[in-house]
Amino acid sequence: MSDSKTLRPIIEHTPFETQPTQNVHGWERIGSVAGGVMMVGKGLRRGGIFGLIQVAIGGVALARGFTGHSSLKDKLEQGRQDMNAVRTKIERAGAELKNLKTKAEVAAEKATKTTG
C-alpha cells in the first residue's frame, strides 16, 4: 500500500518558537567559522581545563558562523537602539523646555509692560 502523499506534521511550528534572524553576514561569518575551527583545534591539542575553555569558545564561534546569528550582537544592537531612543526623548524634552522658556519670557515681558 504505497501512498504518494508525503506526510506533514500537524503542527509545523509553535507560536512561541521564533526563528532568530541572521545578524552575522559575509566575512564576519566566515571569520567566525575559521576562528572557531582554530580554537577547537588548539583546545583539543592543549588539553586540560584551559584546552576545554578554548574548545568551548571555539564551539560558540562555530555556532555563530554556521547559524549566522549572534545573541551578543543582538543585545548590543538592542542597547544601541535603546540609547538612541533615550537620546531622542532628551532632545525632544530640551526643545520643549526651550519653547516653555521663550513663552515664559514673553509672558514676563507682557506682565512688566502692563504693570509698568
Protein backbone atom coordinates (compact mmCIF):
# COMPACT_ATOMS: atom_id res chain seq x y z
CA MET A 1 0.00 0.00 0.00
CA SER A 2 2.01 2.87 -1.30
CA ASP A 3 0.67 6.37 -0.80
CA SER A 4 2.15 9.10 -2.96
CA LYS A 5 1.25 11.79 -0.44
CA THR A 6 4.03 12.96 1.82
CA LEU A 7 3.25 13.11 5.49
CA ARG A 8 3.46 16.53 7.06
CA PRO A 9 3.42 17.27 10.75
CA ILE A 10 0.17 18.62 12.09
CA ILE A 11 1.92 21.43 13.97
CA GLU A 12 4.60 22.98 11.81
CA HIS A 13 5.77 25.44 14.45
CA THR A 14 4.60 26.68 17.81
CA PRO A 15 3.56 30.31 18.33
CA PHE A 16 6.29 30.84 20.94
CA GLU A 17 9.03 29.47 18.73
CA THR A 18 10.83 32.27 16.94
CA GLN A 19 13.47 31.83 14.33
CA PRO A 20 16.47 34.03 15.14
CA THR A 21 17.25 36.50 12.42
CA GLN A 22 20.65 36.40 10.82
CA ASN A 23 22.76 39.25 12.08
CA VAL A 24 26.19 37.89 11.10
CA HIS A 25 26.96 38.04 7.39
CA GLY A 26 29.73 37.67 4.85
CA TRP A 27 33.31 37.84 6.02
CA GLU A 28 32.29 38.09 9.64
CA ARG A 29 30.55 34.74 9.36
CA ILE A 30 33.49 33.16 7.53
CA GLY A 31 35.86 34.56 10.16
CA SER A 32 33.74 33.06 12.94
CA VAL A 33 33.87 29.61 11.36
CA ALA A 34 37.61 29.82 10.68
CA GLY A 35 38.37 31.17 14.15
CA GLY A 36 36.12 28.55 15.72
CA VAL A 37 37.90 25.72 13.92
CA MET A 38 41.28 27.09 15.02
CA MET A 39 40.17 27.47 18.65
CA VAL A 40 38.66 23.99 18.81
CA GLY A 41 41.83 22.51 17.28
CA LYS A 42 44.14 24.38 19.65
CA GLY A 43 41.98 23.47 22.64
CA LEU A 44 41.96 19.79 21.74
CA ARG A 45 45.75 19.76 21.32
CA ARG A 46 46.30 21.67 24.56
CA GLY A 47 44.06 19.58 26.78
CA GLY A 48 43.28 20.31 30.42
CA ILE A 49 40.96 22.99 31.73
CA PHE A 50 42.40 25.74 29.52
CA GLY A 51 42.03 23.50 26.48
CA LEU A 52 38.42 22.87 27.43
CA ILE A 53 37.83 26.62 27.67
CA GLN A 54 39.35 27.06 24.19
CA VAL A 55 37.13 24.29 22.81
CA ALA A 56 34.06 25.96 24.34
CA ILE A 57 34.94 29.38 22.91
CA GLY A 58 35.65 27.79 19.53
CA GLY A 59 32.31 26.00 19.66
CA VAL A 60 30.49 29.27 20.28
CA ALA A 61 32.33 30.87 17.35
CA LEU A 62 31.48 27.90 15.13
CA ALA A 63 27.81 28.06 16.11
CA ARG A 64 27.81 31.80 15.40
CA GLY A 65 29.32 31.24 11.96
CA PHE A 66 27.10 28.31 10.98
CA THR A 67 23.81 29.83 12.15
CA GLY A 68 24.59 33.40 11.16
CA HIS A 69 23.15 34.59 14.48
CA SER A 70 24.88 36.10 17.50
CA SER A 71 22.91 36.71 20.70
CA LEU A 72 25.60 39.05 21.98
CA LYS A 73 25.37 41.13 18.81
CA ASP A 74 21.57 41.23 19.28
CA LYS A 75 21.97 42.53 22.83
CA LEU A 76 24.47 45.19 21.74
CA GLU A 77 22.17 46.34 18.93
CA GLN A 78 19.20 46.47 21.31
CA GLY A 79 21.26 48.57 23.73
CA ARG A 80 22.22 50.92 20.90
CA GLN A 81 18.58 51.30 19.86
CA ASP A 82 17.52 51.96 23.46
CA MET A 83 20.25 54.60 23.80
CA ASN A 84 19.11 56.30 20.58
CA ALA A 85 15.50 56.30 21.83
CA VAL A 86 16.60 57.92 25.10
CA ARG A 87 18.68 60.48 23.19
CA THR A 88 15.66 61.36 21.04
CA LYS A 89 13.47 61.79 24.14
CA ILE A 90 16.09 64.04 25.78
CA GLU A 91 16.38 66.18 22.64
CA ARG A 92 12.58 66.45 22.43
CA ALA A 93 12.39 67.43 26.12
CA GLY A 94 15.12 70.04 25.57
CA ALA A 95 13.18 71.56 22.68
CA GLU A 96 10.02 71.67 24.83
CA LEU A 97 11.93 73.34 27.67
CA LYS A 98 13.32 75.93 25.26
CA ASN A 99 9.81 76.59 23.97
CA LEU A 100 8.48 76.95 27.54
CA LYS A 101 11.33 79.32 28.41
CA THR A 102 10.52 81.50 25.40
CA LYS A 103 6.83 81.57 26.35
CA ALA A 104 7.70 82.44 29.96
CA GLU A 105 9.98 85.28 28.84
CA VAL A 106 7.25 86.66 26.57
CA ALA A 107 4.67 86.39 29.38
CA ALA A 108 7.02 88.08 31.83
CA GLU A 109 7.69 90.88 29.35
CA LYS A 110 3.94 91.43 28.83
CA ALA A 111 3.40 91.42 32.59
CA THR A 112 6.06 94.09 33.16
CA LYS A 113 4.61 96.27 30.35
CA THR A 114 1.09 96.13 31.76
CA THR A 115 2.18 96.85 35.34
CA GLY A 116 4.81 99.46 34.43
